[in-house]
Amino acid sequence: GLRDSLELIKGTGVCTDTIRVSGGGAKSNLWKQMIADIFN
């Protein structure tokens, strides 16, 4: 669901190669790795 927003942002011409995570979920190593894998 979060990746849906990434695709829309890319559609506006914004290029990105790095994500910085914050919030409670940022404490999870599994979730951060999953974001890296799904967002590529």
All heavy atoms as atom14 arrays in JSON, in Angstrom:
{
  "sequence": "GLRDSLELIKGTGVCTDTIRVSGGGAKSNLWKQMIADIFN",
  "atom14_mask": [
    [1, 1, 1, 1, 0, 0, 0, 0, 0, 0, 0, 0, 0, 0],
    [1, 1, 1, 1, 1, 1, 1, 1, 0, 0, 0, 0, 0, 0],
    [1, 1, 1, 1, 1, 1, 1, 1, 1, 1, 1, 0, 0, 0],
    [1, 1, 1, 1, 1, 1, 1, 1, 0, 0, 0, 0, 0, 0],
    [1, 1, 1, 1, 1, 1, 0, 0, 0, 0, 0, 0, 0, 0],
    [1, 1, 1, 1, 1, 1, 1, 1, 0, 0, 0, 0, 0, 0],
    [1, 1, 1, 1, 1, 1, 1, 1, 1, 0, 0, 0, 0, 0],
    [1, 1, 1, 1, 1, 1, 1, 1, 0, 0, 0, 0, 0, 0],
    [1, 1, 1, 1, 1, 1, 1, 1, 0, 0, 0, 0, 0, 0],
    [1, 1, 1, 1, 1, 1, 1, 1, 1, 0, 0, 0, 0, 0],
    [1, 1, 1, 1, 0, 0, 0, 0, 0, 0, 0, 0, 0, 0],
    [1, 1, 1, 1, 1, 1, 1, 0, 0, 0, 0, 0, 0, 0],
    [1, 1, 1, 1, 0, 0, 0, 0, 0, 0, 0, 0, 0, 0],
    [1, 1, 1, 1, 1, 1, 1, 0, 0, 0, 0, 0, 0, 0],
    [1, 1, 1, 1, 1, 1, 0, 0, 0, 0, 0, 0, 0, 0],
    [1, 1, 1, 1, 1, 1, 1, 0, 0, 0, 0, 0, 0, 0],
    [1, 1, 1, 1, 1, 1, 1, 1, 0, 0, 0, 0, 0, 0],
    [1, 1, 1, 1, 1, 1, 1, 0, 0, 0, 0, 0, 0, 0],
    [1, 1, 1, 1, 1, 1, 1, 1, 0, 0, 0, 0, 0, 0],
    [1, 1, 1, 1, 1, 1, 1, 1, 1, 1, 1, 0, 0, 0],
    [1, 1, 1, 1, 1, 1, 1, 0, 0, 0, 0, 0, 0, 0],
    [1, 1, 1, 1, 1, 1, 0, 0, 0, 0, 0, 0, 0, 0],
    [1, 1, 1, 1, 0, 0, 0, 0, 0, 0, 0, 0, 0, 0],
    [1, 1, 1, 1, 0, 0, 0, 0, 0, 0, 0, 0, 0, 0],
    [1, 1, 1, 1, 0, 0, 0, 0, 0, 0, 0, 0, 0, 0],
    [1, 1, 1, 1, 1, 0, 0, 0, 0, 0, 0, 0, 0, 0],
    [1, 1, 1, 1, 1, 1, 1, 1, 1, 0, 0, 0, 0, 0],
    [1, 1, 1, 1, 1, 1, 0, 0, 0, 0, 0, 0, 0, 0],
    [1, 1, 1, 1, 1, 1, 1, 1, 0, 0, 0, 0, 0, 0],
    [1, 1, 1, 1, 1, 1, 1, 1, 0, 0, 0, 0, 0, 0],
    [1, 1, 1, 1, 1, 1, 1, 1, 1, 1, 1, 1, 1, 1],
    [1, 1, 1, 1, 1, 1, 1, 1, 1, 0, 0, 0, 0, 0],
    [1, 1, 1, 1, 1, 1, 1, 1, 1, 0, 0, 0, 0, 0],
    [1, 1, 1, 1, 1, 1, 1, 1, 0, 0, 0, 0, 0, 0],
    [1, 1, 1, 1, 1, 1, 1, 1, 0, 0, 0, 0, 0, 0],
    [1, 1, 1, 1, 1, 0, 0, 0, 0, 0, 0, 0, 0, 0],
    [1, 1, 1, 1, 1, 1, 1, 1, 0, 0, 0, 0, 0, 0],
    [1, 1, 1, 1, 1, 1, 1, 1, 0, 0, 0, 0, 0, 0],
    [1, 1, 1, 1, 1, 1, 1, 1, 1, 1, 1, 0, 0, 0],
    [1, 1, 1, 1, 1, 1, 1, 1, 0, 0, 0, 0, 0, 0]
  ],
  "atom14_positions": [
    [[0.81, -1.21, 0.0], [0.0, 0.0, 0.0], [0.85, 1.26, 0.0], [0.53, 2.24, -0.68], [0.0, 0.0, 0.0], [0.0, 0.0, 0.0], [0.0, 0.0, 0.0], [0.0, 0.0, 0.0], [0.0, 0.0, 0.0], [0.0, 0.0, 0.0], [0.0, 0.0, 0.0], [0.0, 0.0, 0.0], [0.0, 0.0, 0.0], [0.0, 0.0, 0.0]],
    [[1.94, 1.24, 0.75], [2.86, 2.37, 0.75], [3.52, 2.54, -0.62], [3.77, 3.66, -1.07], [3.94, 2.17, 1.83], [3.46, 2.26, 3.27], [4.54, 1.74, 4.22], [3.1, 3.69, 3.64], [0.0, 0.0, 0.0], [0.0, 0.0, 0.0], [0.0, 0.0, 0.0], [0.0, 0.0, 0.0], [0.0, 0.0, 0.0], [0.0, 0.0, 0.0]],
    [[3.81, 1.44, -1.26], [4.45, 1.53, -2.58], [3.54, 2.22, -3.61], [4.04, 2.84, -4.55], [4.88, 0.15, -3.07], [5.47, 0.23, -4.47], [6.18, -0.99, -4.93], [6.31, -0.96, -6.39], [7.17, -1.69, -7.08], [7.99, -2.51, -6.45], [7.22, -1.61, -8.39], [0.0, 0.0, 0.0], [0.0, 0.0, 0.0], [0.0, 0.0, 0.0]],
    [[2.24, 2.12, -3.43], [1.32, 2.83, -4.33], [1.68, 4.32, -4.39], [1.66, 4.94, -5.46], [-0.12, 2.67, -3.85], [-0.71, 1.31, -4.18], [-0.18, 0.64, -5.08], [-1.69, 0.92, -3.52], [0.0, 0.0, 0.0], [0.0, 0.0, 0.0], [0.0, 0.0, 0.0], [0.0, 0.0, 0.0], [0.0, 0.0, 0.0], [0.0, 0.0, 0.0]],
    [[1.99, 4.9, -3.22], [2.35, 6.32, -3.18], [3.67, 6.57, -3.9], [3.84, 7.6, -4.57], [2.43, 6.81, -1.73], [1.15, 6.83, -1.14], [0.0, 0.0, 0.0], [0.0, 0.0, 0.0], [0.0, 0.0, 0.0], [0.0, 0.0, 0.0], [0.0, 0.0, 0.0], [0.0, 0.0, 0.0], [0.0, 0.0, 0.0], [0.0, 0.0, 0.0]],
    [[4.61, 5.64, -3.75], [5.89, 5.78, -4.46], [5.67, 5.86, -5.96], [6.27, 6.7, -6.65], [6.81, 4.61, -4.13], [8.06, 4.47, -5.01], [9.02, 5.64, -4.78], [8.77, 3.14, -4.75], [0.0, 0.0, 0.0], [0.0, 0.0, 0.0], [0.0, 0.0, 0.0], [0.0, 0.0, 0.0], [0.0, 0.0, 0.0], [0.0, 0.0, 0.0]],
    [[4.81, 4.99, -6.48], [4.57, 4.98, -7.93], [3.97, 6.3, -8.39], [4.3, 6.81, -9.47], [3.67, 3.81, -8.3], [4.27, 2.44, -8.01], [5.61, 2.23, -8.7], [5.77, 2.67, -9.86], [6.5, 1.64, -8.07], [0.0, 0.0, 0.0], [0.0, 0.0, 0.0], [0.0, 0.0, 0.0], [0.0, 0.0, 0.0], [0.0, 0.0, 0.0]],
    [[3.06, 6.87, -7.59], [2.48, 8.16, -7.95], [3.53, 9.26, -7.92], [3.56, 10.14, -8.79], [1.34, 8.52, -6.98], [0.1, 7.62, -7.02], [-0.91, 8.1, -5.99], [-0.53, 7.62, -8.41], [0.0, 0.0, 0.0], [0.0, 0.0, 0.0], [0.0, 0.0, 0.0], [0.0, 0.0, 0.0], [0.0, 0.0, 0.0], [0.0, 0.0, 0.0]],
    [[4.41, 9.23, -6.92], [5.46, 10.24, -6.82], [6.41, 10.14, -8.01], [6.79, 11.15, -8.61], [6.23, 10.07, -5.48], [5.33, 10.51, -4.32], [7.53, 10.85, -5.49], [5.88, 10.16, -2.95], [0.0, 0.0, 0.0], [0.0, 0.0, 0.0], [0.0, 0.0, 0.0], [0.0, 0.0, 0.0], [0.0, 0.0, 0.0], [0.0, 0.0, 0.0]],
    [[6.75, 8.92, -8.39], [7.62, 8.74, -9.56], [6.95, 9.28, -10.81], [7.61, 9.8, -11.71], [7.96, 7.25, -9.72], [8.95, 6.74, -8.67], [8.97, 5.22, -8.6], [9.34, 4.55, -9.89], [9.42, 3.06, -9.73], [0.0, 0.0, 0.0], [0.0, 0.0, 0.0], [0.0, 0.0, 0.0], [0.0, 0.0, 0.0], [0.0, 0.0, 0.0]],
    [[5.62, 9.15, -10.85], [4.88, 9.63, -12.01], [4.92, 11.14, -12.18], [4.65, 11.66, -13.27], [0.0, 0.0, 0.0], [0.0, 0.0, 0.0], [0.0, 0.0, 0.0], [0.0, 0.0, 0.0], [0.0, 0.0, 0.0], [0.0, 0.0, 0.0], [0.0, 0.0, 0.0], [0.0, 0.0, 0.0], [0.0, 0.0, 0.0], [0.0, 0.0, 0.0]],
    [[5.24, 11.87, -11.11], [5.36, 13.33, -11.21], [6.75, 13.76, -11.68], [7.01, 14.95, -11.83], [5.07, 14.01, -9.86], [6.12, 13.7, -8.92], [3.73, 13.59, -9.31], [0.0, 0.0, 0.0], [0.0, 0.0, 0.0], [0.0, 0.0, 0.0], [0.0, 0.0, 0.0], [0.0, 0.0, 0.0], [0.0, 0.0, 0.0], [0.0, 0.0, 0.0]],
    [[7.64, 12.78, -11.89], [8.99, 13.09, -12.36], [10.03, 13.15, -11.27], [11.19, 13.48, -11.54], [0.0, 0.0, 0.0], [0.0, 0.0, 0.0], [0.0, 0.0, 0.0], [0.0, 0.0, 0.0], [0.0, 0.0, 0.0], [0.0, 0.0, 0.0], [0.0, 0.0, 0.0], [0.0, 0.0, 0.0], [0.0, 0.0, 0.0], [0.0, 0.0, 0.0]],
    [[9.65, 12.85, -10.03], [10.6, 12.83, -8.92], [11.35, 11.51, -8.94], [10.73, 10.44, -8.95], [9.9, 13.03, -7.57], [10.87, 12.85, -6.41], [9.26, 14.4, -7.51], [0.0, 0.0, 0.0], [0.0, 0.0, 0.0], [0.0, 0.0, 0.0], [0.0, 0.0, 0.0], [0.0, 0.0, 0.0], [0.0, 0.0, 0.0], [0.0, 0.0, 0.0]],
    [[12.66, 11.56, -8.95], [13.49, 10.36, -8.94], [14.04, 10.14, -7.53], [14.42, 11.09, -6.85], [14.64, 10.48, -9.92], [14.12, 10.65, -11.64], [0.0, 0.0, 0.0], [0.0, 0.0, 0.0], [0.0, 0.0, 0.0], [0.0, 0.0, 0.0], [0.0, 0.0, 0.0], [0.0, 0.0, 0.0], [0.0, 0.0, 0.0], [0.0, 0.0, 0.0]],
    [[14.07, 8.89, -7.11], [14.57, 8.59, -5.77], [15.36, 7.3, -5.76], [15.06, 6.38, -6.53], [13.4, 8.5, -4.76], [13.91, 8.25, -3.46], [12.44, 7.39, -5.13], [0.0, 0.0, 0.0], [0.0, 0.0, 0.0], [0.0, 0.0, 0.0], [0.0, 0.0, 0.0], [0.0, 0.0, 0.0], [0.0, 0.0, 0.0], [0.0, 0.0, 0.0]],
    [[16.38, 7.23, -4.91], [17.16, 6.01, -4.77], [17.34, 5.59, -3.31], [17.93, 4.56, -3.03], [18.54, 6.16, -5.43], [19.32, 7.35, -4.88], [18.98, 7.86, -3.8], [20.3, 7.76, -5.54], [0.0, 0.0, 0.0], [0.0, 0.0, 0.0], [0.0, 0.0, 0.0], [0.0, 0.0, 0.0], [0.0, 0.0, 0.0], [0.0, 0.0, 0.0]],
    [[16.81, 6.39, -2.39], [17.01, 6.13, -0.96], [15.74, 6.43, -0.18], [15.04, 7.4, -0.47], [18.15, 7.0, -0.39], [19.34, 6.74, -1.13], [18.4, 6.7, 1.08], [0.0, 0.0, 0.0], [0.0, 0.0, 0.0], [0.0, 0.0, 0.0], [0.0, 0.0, 0.0], [0.0, 0.0, 0.0], [0.0, 0.0, 0.0], [0.0, 0.0, 0.0]],
    [[15.44, 5.58, 0.8], [14.33, 5.8, 1.72], [14.9, 6.02, 3.11], [15.82, 5.31, 3.52], [13.38, 4.59, 1.75], [12.72, 4.37, 0.39], [12.32, 4.74, 2.83], [11.96, 3.07, 0.31], [0.0, 0.0, 0.0], [0.0, 0.0, 0.0], [0.0, 0.0, 0.0], [0.0, 0.0, 0.0], [0.0, 0.0, 0.0], [0.0, 0.0, 0.0]],
    [[14.34, 6.98, 3.83], [14.64, 7.12, 5.26], [13.36, 6.86, 6.04], [12.35, 7.52, 5.82], [15.21, 8.5, 5.57], [16.65, 8.63, 5.09], [17.29, 9.93, 5.5], [18.7, 9.94, 5.11], [19.48, 11.0, 5.15], [19.0, 12.16, 5.58], [20.75, 10.92, 4.78], [0.0, 0.0, 0.0], [0.0, 0.0, 0.0], [0.0, 0.0, 0.0]],
    [[13.4, 5.88, 6.94], [12.2, 5.47, 7.66], [12.19, 6.07, 9.06], [13.23, 6.29, 9.67], [12.08, 3.94, 7.76], [11.87, 3.33, 6.39], [13.3, 3.34, 8.43], [0.0, 0.0, 0.0], [0.0, 0.0, 0.0], [0.0, 0.0, 0.0], [0.0, 0.0, 0.0], [0.0, 0.0, 0.0], [0.0, 0.0, 0.0], [0.0, 0.0, 0.0]],
    [[10.98, 6.33, 9.57], [10.81, 6.84, 10.92], [9.52, 6.28, 11.49], [8.75, 5.6, 10.79], [10.76, 8.37, 10.93], [9.63, 8.84, 10.19], [0.0, 0.0, 0.0], [0.0, 0.0, 0.0], [0.0, 0.0, 0.0], [0.0, 0.0, 0.0], [0.0, 0.0, 0.0], [0.0, 0.0, 0.0], [0.0, 0.0, 0.0], [0.0, 0.0, 0.0]],
    [[9.26, 6.54, 12.76], [8.07, 6.03, 13.41], [8.34, 4.7, 14.09], [9.43, 4.12, 13.99], [0.0, 0.0, 0.0], [0.0, 0.0, 0.0], [0.0, 0.0, 0.0], [0.0, 0.0, 0.0], [0.0, 0.0, 0.0], [0.0, 0.0, 0.0], [0.0, 0.0, 0.0], [0.0, 0.0, 0.0], [0.0, 0.0, 0.0], [0.0, 0.0, 0.0]],
    [[7.31, 4.17, 14.76], [7.47, 2.94, 15.51], [7.91, 1.76, 14.67], [8.7, 0.91, 15.11], [0.0, 0.0, 0.0], [0.0, 0.0, 0.0], [0.0, 0.0, 0.0], [0.0, 0.0, 0.0], [0.0, 0.0, 0.0], [0.0, 0.0, 0.0], [0.0, 0.0, 0.0], [0.0, 0.0, 0.0], [0.0, 0.0, 0.0], [0.0, 0.0, 0.0]],
    [[7.43, 1.69, 13.43], [7.8, 0.58, 12.56], [9.26, 0.55, 12.19], [9.79, -0.49, 11.77], [0.0, 0.0, 0.0], [0.0, 0.0, 0.0], [0.0, 0.0, 0.0], [0.0, 0.0, 0.0], [0.0, 0.0, 0.0], [0.0, 0.0, 0.0], [0.0, 0.0, 0.0], [0.0, 0.0, 0.0], [0.0, 0.0, 0.0], [0.0, 0.0, 0.0]],
    [[9.94, 1.69, 12.34], [11.37, 1.75, 11.99], [12.24, 0.94, 12.95], [13.43, 0.74, 12.69], [11.83, 3.21, 11.98], [0.0, 0.0, 0.0], [0.0, 0.0, 0.0], [0.0, 0.0, 0.0], [0.0, 0.0, 0.0], [0.0, 0.0, 0.0], [0.0, 0.0, 0.0], [0.0, 0.0, 0.0], [0.0, 0.0, 0.0], [0.0, 0.0, 0.0]],
    [[11.65, 0.47, 14.05], [12.4, -0.36, 14.99], [12.54, -1.79, 14.51], [13.34, -2.56, 15.06], [11.71, -0.34, 16.36], [11.59, 1.05, 16.98], [10.77, 1.02, 18.25], [10.57, 2.42, 18.83], [9.7, 2.41, 20.04], [0.0, 0.0, 0.0], [0.0, 0.0, 0.0], [0.0, 0.0, 0.0], [0.0, 0.0, 0.0], [0.0, 0.0, 0.0]],
    [[11.76, -2.17, 13.5], [11.74, -3.55, 13.03], [12.71, -3.76, 11.88], [12.55, -3.18, 10.8], [10.33, -3.94, 12.57], [10.35, -5.16, 11.87], [0.0, 0.0, 0.0], [0.0, 0.0, 0.0], [0.0, 0.0, 0.0], [0.0, 0.0, 0.0], [0.0, 0.0, 0.0], [0.0, 0.0, 0.0], [0.0, 0.0, 0.0], [0.0, 0.0, 0.0]],
    [[13.71, -4.61, 12.08], [14.64, -4.93, 11.0], [13.96, -5.68, 9.87], [14.27, -5.46, 8.69], [15.8, -5.76, 11.55], [16.77, -4.94, 12.37], [17.13, -3.83, 11.98], [17.21, -5.46, 13.5], [0.0, 0.0, 0.0], [0.0, 0.0, 0.0], [0.0, 0.0, 0.0], [0.0, 0.0, 0.0], [0.0, 0.0, 0.0], [0.0, 0.0, 0.0]],
    [[13.02, -6.57, 10.21], [12.31, -7.31, 9.17], [11.51, -6.37, 8.29], [11.54, -6.47, 7.06], [11.37, -8.34, 9.81], [10.46, -9.06, 8.81], [11.28, -9.96, 7.9], [9.39, -9.87, 9.54], [0.0, 0.0, 0.0], [0.0, 0.0, 0.0], [0.0, 0.0, 0.0], [0.0, 0.0, 0.0], [0.0, 0.0, 0.0], [0.0, 0.0, 0.0]],
    [[10.8, -5.43, 8.91], [9.96, -4.52, 8.13], [10.81, -3.61, 7.26], [10.48, -3.35, 6.1], [9.07, -3.69, 9.05], [7.83, -3.18, 8.37], [7.55, -3.25, 7.04], [6.71, -2.54, 8.99], [6.32, -2.67, 6.78], [5.79, -2.25, 7.96], [6.39, -2.19, 10.29], [4.59, -1.6, 8.21], [5.19, -1.56, 10.54], [4.29, -1.26, 9.51]],
    [[11.92, -3.13, 7.77], [12.8, -2.27, 6.96], [13.35, -3.04, 5.76], [13.43, -2.5, 4.65], [13.92, -1.71, 7.82], [13.45, -0.65, 8.8], [14.6, 0.03, 9.52], [15.28, -0.89, 10.51], [16.3, -0.17, 11.32], [0.0, 0.0, 0.0], [0.0, 0.0, 0.0], [0.0, 0.0, 0.0], [0.0, 0.0, 0.0], [0.0, 0.0, 0.0]],
    [[13.72, -4.3, 5.97], [14.21, -5.11, 4.85], [13.1, -5.35, 3.84], [13.32, -5.31, 2.62], [14.76, -6.44, 5.35], [15.37, -7.3, 4.26], [16.55, -6.62, 3.58], [17.51, -6.23, 4.23], [16.49, -6.48, 2.26], [0.0, 0.0, 0.0], [0.0, 0.0, 0.0], [0.0, 0.0, 0.0], [0.0, 0.0, 0.0], [0.0, 0.0, 0.0]],
    [[11.88, -5.57, 4.34], [10.75, -5.78, 3.45], [10.48, -4.55, 2.59], [10.17, -4.65, 1.4], [9.51, -6.14, 4.28], [8.31, -6.57, 3.48], [6.91, -7.0, 4.56], [7.5, -8.54, 5.27], [0.0, 0.0, 0.0], [0.0, 0.0, 0.0], [0.0, 0.0, 0.0], [0.0, 0.0, 0.0], [0.0, 0.0, 0.0], [0.0, 0.0, 0.0]],
    [[10.6, -3.37, 3.18], [10.41, -2.12, 2.43], [11.48, -2.01, 1.34], [11.19, -1.66, 0.2], [10.46, -0.91, 3.37], [9.23, -0.9, 4.28], [10.51, 0.39, 2.57], [9.29, 0.14, 5.38], [0.0, 0.0, 0.0], [0.0, 0.0, 0.0], [0.0, 0.0, 0.0], [0.0, 0.0, 0.0], [0.0, 0.0, 0.0], [0.0, 0.0, 0.0]],
    [[12.72, -2.33, 1.7], [13.8, -2.29, 0.7], [13.5, -3.23, -0.46], [13.7, -2.88, -1.63], [15.13, -2.66, 1.36], [0.0, 0.0, 0.0], [0.0, 0.0, 0.0], [0.0, 0.0, 0.0], [0.0, 0.0, 0.0], [0.0, 0.0, 0.0], [0.0, 0.0, 0.0], [0.0, 0.0, 0.0], [0.0, 0.0, 0.0], [0.0, 0.0, 0.0]],
    [[12.99, -4.42, -0.15], [12.71, -5.41, -1.19], [11.52, -5.03, -2.05], [11.55, -5.18, -3.28], [12.45, -6.78, -0.54], [13.66, -7.33, 0.21], [14.78, -6.91, -0.11], [13.47, -8.16, 1.12], [0.0, 0.0, 0.0], [0.0, 0.0, 0.0], [0.0, 0.0, 0.0], [0.0, 0.0, 0.0], [0.0, 0.0, 0.0], [0.0, 0.0, 0.0]],
    [[10.43, -4.55, -1.44], [9.22, -4.23, -2.19], [9.37, -2.91, -2.95], [8.89, -2.77, -4.08], [8.0, -4.19, -1.24], [7.68, -5.61, -0.77], [6.78, -3.56, -1.91], [6.55, -5.72, 0.23], [0.0, 0.0, 0.0], [0.0, 0.0, 0.0], [0.0, 0.0, 0.0], [0.0, 0.0, 0.0], [0.0, 0.0, 0.0], [0.0, 0.0, 0.0]],
    [[10.03, -1.93, -2.36], [10.26, -0.65, -3.03], [11.44, -0.74, -4.0], [11.59, 0.12, -4.87], [10.54, 0.45, -2.01], [9.32, 1.04, -1.35], [8.4, 0.23, -0.71], [9.12, 2.4, -1.34], [7.29, 0.77, -0.09], [8.02, 2.96, -0.72], [7.09, 2.14, -0.09], [0.0, 0.0, 0.0], [0.0, 0.0, 0.0], [0.0, 0.0, 0.0]],
    [[12.3, -1.75, -3.83], [13.54, -1.88, -4.6], [14.41, -0.63, -4.45], [14.93, -0.08, -5.42], [13.24, -2.15, -6.08], [14.51, -2.56, -6.85], [15.47, -3.06, -6.26], [14.51, -2.34, -8.15], [0.0, 0.0, 0.0], [0.0, 0.0, 0.0], [0.0, 0.0, 0.0], [0.0, 0.0, 0.0], [0.0, 0.0, 0.0], [0.0, 0.0, 0.0]]
  ]
}
